[in-house]
Amino acid sequence: MFKKLSPNIKSSITRSISQSFEQYMSDIGWTEDQYDIEQFYANWREYITTKALWYEKIPDEIKADPQFHKELAQRVEEVLIRILNEPPSEEQIALIEILQEQLNTHYEYGCKAEALYVQSLLEARAEQRK
């Protein structure tokens, strides 16, 4: 069922998963022991039913089909795995290391999305020092 959706809708679904996951992780400070898959899904459901334009384009009979939900859950898992396995860029690493040295911090990060979060924290902290 998921495969039968238009490329635009599939792309929008993927973007909504990525954005929701990164926002959720940012909200919990990328703290692994605070991660709750059920809470992430609740946040994502809230997002898609109130803000995502693609959701209303999917016919109700598809949305009601358990197979669609199974395939959608598989897509969520694929997207989360991709996000968590994408390494930070060399530029991100260099910038974070410079900022950490300047600010005397020791944040750790394991993927590109988490590095972006750490970079934002450090840049805000550096801006406050000015």
N, C-alpha and C. Protein backbone atom coordinates (compact mmCIF):
# COMPACT_ATOMS: atom_id res chain seq x y z
N MET A 1 0.82 -1.20 0.00
CA MET A 1 0.00 0.00 0.00
C MET A 1 0.86 1.26 0.00
N PHE A 2 1.87 1.26 0.86
CA PHE A 2 2.74 2.43 0.94
C PHE A 2 3.42 2.67 -0.40
N LYS A 3 3.83 1.59 -1.03
CA LYS A 3 4.53 1.69 -2.31
C LYS A 3 3.65 2.27 -3.41
N LYS A 4 2.34 2.15 -3.27
CA LYS A 4 1.41 2.65 -4.28
C LYS A 4 1.17 4.15 -4.17
N LEU A 5 1.63 4.76 -3.08
CA LEU A 5 1.46 6.21 -2.92
C LEU A 5 2.34 6.95 -3.91
N SER A 6 1.96 8.16 -4.22
CA SER A 6 2.76 8.96 -5.16
C SER A 6 4.12 9.26 -4.54
N PRO A 7 5.11 9.48 -5.40
CA PRO A 7 6.45 9.83 -4.89
C PRO A 7 6.42 11.09 -4.01
N ASN A 8 5.58 12.04 -4.35
CA ASN A 8 5.50 13.27 -3.54
C ASN A 8 4.99 12.98 -2.13
N ILE A 9 3.97 12.15 -2.03
CA ILE A 9 3.43 11.81 -0.71
C ILE A 9 4.46 11.01 0.09
N LYS A 10 5.12 10.04 -0.56
CA LYS A 10 6.14 9.26 0.15
C LYS A 10 7.28 10.16 0.64
N SER A 11 7.66 11.10 -0.18
CA SER A 11 8.71 12.04 0.21
C SER A 11 8.25 12.91 1.39
N SER A 12 7.01 13.35 1.35
CA SER A 12 6.47 14.16 2.44
C SER A 12 6.39 13.36 3.74
N ILE A 13 6.02 12.10 3.63
CA ILE A 13 5.97 11.24 4.81
C ILE A 13 7.37 11.11 5.40
N THR A 14 8.35 10.85 4.56
CA THR A 14 9.73 10.71 5.03
C THR A 14 10.21 11.99 5.71
N ARG A 15 9.92 13.14 5.10
CA ARG A 15 10.32 14.41 5.72
C ARG A 15 9.64 14.61 7.06
N SER A 16 8.36 14.26 7.15
CA SER A 16 7.65 14.45 8.42
C SER A 16 8.22 13.55 9.50
N ILE A 17 8.61 12.34 9.14
CA ILE A 17 9.23 11.44 10.11
C ILE A 17 10.54 12.04 10.60
N SER A 18 11.37 12.47 9.66
CA SER A 18 12.68 13.05 10.01
C SER A 18 12.53 14.28 10.89
N GLN A 19 11.68 15.19 10.48
CA GLN A 19 11.49 16.43 11.24
C GLN A 19 10.93 16.15 12.63
N SER A 20 9.95 15.26 12.71
CA SER A 20 9.35 14.93 14.00
C SER A 20 10.36 14.27 14.93
N PHE A 21 11.15 13.34 14.37
CA PHE A 21 12.14 12.65 15.19
C PHE A 21 13.21 13.62 15.69
N GLU A 22 13.72 14.45 14.80
CA GLU A 22 14.76 15.39 15.21
C GLU A 22 14.22 16.40 16.23
N GLN A 23 12.98 16.83 16.07
CA GLN A 23 12.37 17.74 17.04
C GLN A 23 12.18 17.04 18.39
N TYR A 24 11.69 15.82 18.34
CA TYR A 24 11.51 15.05 19.57
C TYR A 24 12.84 14.87 20.30
N MET A 25 13.87 14.47 19.56
CA MET A 25 15.17 14.25 20.18
C MET A 25 15.74 15.56 20.74
N SER A 26 15.51 16.64 20.04
CA SER A 26 15.94 17.95 20.53
C SER A 26 15.21 18.29 21.82
N ASP A 27 13.91 18.01 21.85
CA ASP A 27 13.12 18.29 23.05
C ASP A 27 13.63 17.54 24.28
N ILE A 28 14.18 16.35 24.06
CA ILE A 28 14.70 15.56 25.20
C ILE A 28 16.22 15.69 25.32
N GLY A 29 16.78 16.64 24.58
CA GLY A 29 18.22 16.90 24.66
C GLY A 29 19.08 15.75 24.18
N TRP A 30 18.55 14.96 23.25
CA TRP A 30 19.25 13.80 22.72
C TRP A 30 19.72 12.88 23.85
N THR A 31 18.93 12.80 24.92
CA THR A 31 19.25 11.95 26.06
C THR A 31 18.63 10.58 25.84
N GLU A 32 19.49 9.59 25.61
CA GLU A 32 19.02 8.25 25.24
C GLU A 32 18.07 7.64 26.27
N ASP A 33 18.37 7.82 27.55
CA ASP A 33 17.51 7.18 28.56
C ASP A 33 16.15 7.86 28.69
N GLN A 34 15.97 9.01 28.07
CA GLN A 34 14.66 9.66 28.07
C GLN A 34 13.86 9.32 26.82
N TYR A 35 14.51 8.65 25.86
CA TYR A 35 13.84 8.31 24.61
C TYR A 35 12.74 7.30 24.88
N ASP A 36 11.56 7.59 24.34
CA ASP A 36 10.40 6.72 24.47
C ASP A 36 9.72 6.65 23.11
N ILE A 37 9.82 5.49 22.47
CA ILE A 37 9.28 5.32 21.12
C ILE A 37 7.79 5.64 21.09
N GLU A 38 7.07 5.28 22.14
CA GLU A 38 5.63 5.57 22.18
C GLU A 38 5.38 7.08 22.19
N GLN A 39 6.21 7.81 22.93
CA GLN A 39 6.05 9.27 22.96
C GLN A 39 6.39 9.88 21.61
N PHE A 40 7.44 9.34 20.97
CA PHE A 40 7.78 9.83 19.63
C PHE A 40 6.61 9.61 18.68
N TYR A 41 6.04 8.39 18.69
CA TYR A 41 4.91 8.10 17.81
C TYR A 41 3.72 9.00 18.12
N ALA A 42 3.48 9.27 19.39
CA ALA A 42 2.38 10.17 19.77
C ALA A 42 2.63 11.57 19.21
N ASN A 43 3.85 12.04 19.31
CA ASN A 43 4.20 13.36 18.75
C ASN A 43 4.02 13.38 17.24
N TRP A 44 4.48 12.30 16.60
CA TRP A 44 4.38 12.24 15.14
C TRP A 44 2.92 12.17 14.70
N ARG A 45 2.11 11.36 15.40
CA ARG A 45 0.67 11.28 15.08
C ARG A 45 0.02 12.65 15.21
N GLU A 46 0.36 13.35 16.26
CA GLU A 46 -0.18 14.71 16.47
C GLU A 46 0.20 15.60 15.30
N TYR A 47 1.46 15.53 14.90
CA TYR A 47 1.94 16.35 13.80
C TYR A 47 1.20 16.03 12.50
N ILE A 48 1.12 14.75 12.16
CA ILE A 48 0.55 14.41 10.85
C ILE A 48 -0.95 14.68 10.80
N THR A 49 -1.63 14.57 11.92
CA THR A 49 -3.08 14.80 11.89
C THR A 49 -3.45 16.27 12.00
N THR A 50 -2.52 17.11 12.45
CA THR A 50 -2.85 18.53 12.61
C THR A 50 -2.11 19.46 11.65
N LYS A 51 -0.93 19.03 11.17
CA LYS A 51 -0.12 19.95 10.37
C LYS A 51 0.32 19.41 9.01
N ALA A 52 0.37 18.11 8.85
CA ALA A 52 0.91 17.53 7.61
C ALA A 52 -0.15 17.58 6.50
N LEU A 53 0.19 18.22 5.41
CA LEU A 53 -0.73 18.32 4.28
C LEU A 53 -0.93 16.99 3.58
N TRP A 54 0.06 16.12 3.60
CA TRP A 54 -0.04 14.84 2.90
C TRP A 54 -1.07 13.92 3.52
N TYR A 55 -1.30 14.04 4.82
CA TYR A 55 -2.17 13.10 5.51
C TYR A 55 -3.60 13.14 4.97
N GLU A 56 -4.08 14.32 4.68
CA GLU A 56 -5.46 14.42 4.18
C GLU A 56 -5.58 13.97 2.72
N LYS A 57 -4.45 13.84 2.04
CA LYS A 57 -4.48 13.38 0.64
C LYS A 57 -4.58 11.86 0.53
N ILE A 58 -4.36 11.16 1.63
CA ILE A 58 -4.46 9.70 1.63
C ILE A 58 -5.91 9.32 1.92
N PRO A 59 -6.50 8.50 1.06
CA PRO A 59 -7.90 8.10 1.27
C PRO A 59 -8.10 7.41 2.63
N ASP A 60 -9.26 7.62 3.22
CA ASP A 60 -9.56 7.05 4.54
C ASP A 60 -9.48 5.53 4.56
N GLU A 61 -9.86 4.87 3.45
CA GLU A 61 -9.81 3.41 3.44
C GLU A 61 -8.36 2.92 3.53
N ILE A 62 -7.43 3.66 2.98
CA ILE A 62 -6.01 3.28 3.11
C ILE A 62 -5.54 3.53 4.54
N LYS A 63 -5.91 4.68 5.09
CA LYS A 63 -5.51 4.99 6.47
C LYS A 63 -6.07 3.99 7.48
N ALA A 64 -7.20 3.38 7.15
CA ALA A 64 -7.83 2.41 8.05
C ALA A 64 -7.26 1.00 7.90
N ASP A 65 -6.48 0.78 6.88
CA ASP A 65 -5.98 -0.56 6.59
C ASP A 65 -4.76 -0.90 7.46
N PRO A 66 -4.82 -2.00 8.21
CA PRO A 66 -3.69 -2.40 9.07
C PRO A 66 -2.39 -2.61 8.28
N GLN A 67 -2.49 -3.07 7.05
CA GLN A 67 -1.30 -3.27 6.23
C GLN A 67 -0.58 -1.94 5.99
N PHE A 68 -1.35 -0.89 5.76
CA PHE A 68 -0.76 0.43 5.56
C PHE A 68 0.02 0.84 6.81
N HIS A 69 -0.56 0.60 7.97
CA HIS A 69 0.11 0.99 9.22
C HIS A 69 1.37 0.16 9.46
N LYS A 70 1.33 -1.09 9.06
CA LYS A 70 2.52 -1.93 9.18
C LYS A 70 3.63 -1.40 8.28
N GLU A 71 3.28 -1.07 7.04
CA GLU A 71 4.27 -0.54 6.10
C GLU A 71 4.77 0.83 6.54
N LEU A 72 3.88 1.62 7.10
CA LEU A 72 4.28 2.94 7.60
C LEU A 72 5.24 2.79 8.77
N ALA A 73 4.98 1.85 9.66
CA ALA A 73 5.89 1.60 10.79
C ALA A 73 7.26 1.15 10.28
N GLN A 74 7.28 0.34 9.24
CA GLN A 74 8.55 -0.07 8.65
C GLN A 74 9.30 1.14 8.09
N ARG A 75 8.56 2.04 7.46
CA ARG A 75 9.19 3.25 6.91
C ARG A 75 9.77 4.11 8.02
N VAL A 76 9.03 4.24 9.12
CA VAL A 76 9.53 5.00 10.26
C VAL A 76 10.84 4.39 10.75
N GLU A 77 10.86 3.09 10.90
CA GLU A 77 12.07 2.41 11.36
C GLU A 77 13.24 2.66 10.41
N GLU A 78 13.00 2.55 9.11
CA GLU A 78 14.05 2.80 8.12
C GLU A 78 14.60 4.22 8.23
N VAL A 79 13.71 5.19 8.38
CA VAL A 79 14.13 6.59 8.45
C VAL A 79 14.94 6.83 9.73
N LEU A 80 14.48 6.29 10.85
CA LEU A 80 15.21 6.49 12.10
C LEU A 80 16.59 5.85 12.04
N ILE A 81 16.67 4.66 11.47
CA ILE A 81 17.97 4.00 11.32
C ILE A 81 18.90 4.84 10.45
N ARG A 82 18.36 5.37 9.35
CA ARG A 82 19.18 6.20 8.46
C ARG A 82 19.68 7.44 9.20
N ILE A 83 18.80 8.10 9.94
CA ILE A 83 19.20 9.31 10.68
C ILE A 83 20.30 8.97 11.68
N LEU A 84 20.09 7.93 12.45
CA LEU A 84 21.04 7.57 13.51
C LEU A 84 22.37 7.05 12.99
N ASN A 85 22.40 6.60 11.75
CA ASN A 85 23.63 6.07 11.17
C ASN A 85 24.35 7.05 10.26
N GLU A 86 23.76 8.21 10.03
CA GLU A 86 24.43 9.19 9.17
C GLU A 86 25.48 9.94 9.98
N PRO A 87 26.75 9.79 9.61
CA PRO A 87 27.81 10.40 10.41
C PRO A 87 27.84 11.92 10.25
N PRO A 88 28.33 12.61 11.27
CA PRO A 88 28.49 14.06 11.15
C PRO A 88 29.48 14.39 10.04
N SER A 89 29.30 15.53 9.43
CA SER A 89 30.23 15.95 8.39
C SER A 89 31.55 16.40 9.04
N GLU A 90 32.59 16.42 8.22
CA GLU A 90 33.88 16.89 8.73
C GLU A 90 33.79 18.34 9.18
N GLU A 91 33.00 19.13 8.46
CA GLU A 91 32.82 20.54 8.84
C GLU A 91 32.14 20.65 10.20
N GLN A 92 31.11 19.84 10.42
CA GLN A 92 30.42 19.86 11.71
C GLN A 92 31.39 19.50 12.83
N ILE A 93 32.13 18.44 12.63
CA ILE A 93 33.06 17.98 13.65
C ILE A 93 34.08 19.07 13.97
N ALA A 94 34.64 19.68 12.94
CA ALA A 94 35.64 20.73 13.15
C ALA A 94 35.04 21.91 13.91
N LEU A 95 33.87 22.35 13.48
CA LEU A 95 33.23 23.50 14.14
C LEU A 95 32.89 23.18 15.59
N ILE A 96 32.36 22.01 15.84
CA ILE A 96 32.01 21.62 17.21
C ILE A 96 33.27 21.55 18.08
N GLU A 97 34.33 21.00 17.54
CA GLU A 97 35.57 20.91 18.32
C GLU A 97 36.10 22.30 18.66
N ILE A 98 36.04 23.22 17.71
CA ILE A 98 36.49 24.60 17.97
C ILE A 98 35.64 25.23 19.06
N LEU A 99 34.31 25.09 18.91
CA LEU A 99 33.41 25.68 19.91
C LEU A 99 33.59 25.05 21.28
N GLN A 100 33.77 23.74 21.32
CA GLN A 100 33.95 23.07 22.61
C GLN A 100 35.25 23.53 23.29
N GLU A 101 36.26 23.73 22.48
CA GLU A 101 37.52 24.21 23.05
C GLU A 101 37.34 25.63 23.60
N GLN A 102 36.68 26.47 22.84
CA GLN A 102 36.44 27.85 23.29
C GLN A 102 35.58 27.90 24.55
N LEU A 103 34.59 27.02 24.62
CA LEU A 103 33.62 27.05 25.71
C LEU A 103 33.95 26.07 26.84
N ASN A 104 35.01 25.30 26.65
CA ASN A 104 35.41 24.29 27.62
C ASN A 104 34.26 23.33 27.95
N THR A 105 33.69 22.75 26.89
CA THR A 105 32.61 21.77 27.05
C THR A 105 33.05 20.44 26.46
N HIS A 106 32.27 19.42 26.74
CA HIS A 106 32.63 18.08 26.27
C HIS A 106 31.38 17.31 25.84
N TYR A 107 30.59 17.90 24.97
CA TYR A 107 29.40 17.21 24.46
C TYR A 107 29.82 16.09 23.51
N GLU A 108 29.08 15.02 23.57
CA GLU A 108 29.30 13.91 22.65
C GLU A 108 28.13 13.85 21.68
N TYR A 109 28.38 13.31 20.52
CA TYR A 109 27.34 13.19 19.50
C TYR A 109 27.71 12.03 18.60
N GLY A 110 26.68 11.34 18.13
CA GLY A 110 26.96 10.14 17.37
C GLY A 110 26.51 10.16 15.92
N CYS A 111 25.69 11.14 15.56
CA CYS A 111 25.19 11.19 14.19
C CYS A 111 25.08 12.64 13.76
N LYS A 112 24.82 12.83 12.49
CA LYS A 112 24.75 14.17 11.93
C LYS A 112 23.66 15.02 12.60
N ALA A 113 22.49 14.42 12.82
CA ALA A 113 21.39 15.17 13.43
C ALA A 113 21.72 15.58 14.86
N GLU A 114 22.34 14.68 15.61
CA GLU A 114 22.73 15.02 16.98
C GLU A 114 23.85 16.06 16.97
N ALA A 115 24.76 15.98 16.02
CA ALA A 115 25.82 16.98 15.90
C ALA A 115 25.22 18.35 15.61
N LEU A 116 24.19 18.40 14.80
CA LEU A 116 23.52 19.67 14.51
C LEU A 116 22.91 20.25 15.78
N TYR A 117 22.33 19.39 16.60
CA TYR A 117 21.78 19.81 17.88
C TYR A 117 22.87 20.38 18.79
N VAL A 118 23.99 19.65 18.90
CA VAL A 118 25.11 20.09 19.74
C VAL A 118 25.67 21.40 19.20
N GLN A 119 25.83 21.49 17.90
CA GLN A 119 26.34 22.71 17.28
C GLN A 119 25.44 23.91 17.62
N SER A 120 24.14 23.72 17.54
CA SER A 120 23.19 24.80 17.86
C SER A 120 23.32 25.22 19.32
N LEU A 121 23.46 24.24 20.21
CA LEU A 121 23.64 24.55 21.63
C LEU A 121 24.90 25.38 21.86
N LEU A 122 25.98 24.91 21.24
CA LEU A 122 27.26 25.59 21.43
C LEU A 122 27.26 26.99 20.82
N GLU A 123 26.67 27.14 19.66
CA GLU A 123 26.60 28.47 19.04
C GLU A 123 25.76 29.42 19.87
N ALA A 124 24.68 28.94 20.45
CA ALA A 124 23.86 29.79 21.32
C ALA A 124 24.64 30.17 22.58
N ARG A 125 25.36 29.22 23.10
CA ARG A 125 26.18 29.49 24.30
C ARG A 125 27.29 30.49 23.96
N ALA A 126 27.92 30.34 22.82
CA ALA A 126 28.98 31.27 22.41
C ALA A 126 28.39 32.67 22.20
N GLU A 127 27.21 32.73 21.64
CA GLU A 127 26.54 34.03 21.40
C GLU A 127 26.23 34.73 22.72
N GLN A 128 25.88 33.98 23.74
CA GLN A 128 25.59 34.55 25.06
C GLN A 128 26.83 35.14 25.71
N ARG A 129 27.98 34.60 25.38
CA ARG A 129 29.24 35.08 25.95
C ARG A 129 29.67 36.42 25.38
N LYS A 130 29.13 36.78 24.22
CA LYS A 130 29.57 38.02 23.58
C LYS A 130 29.03 39.23 24.27
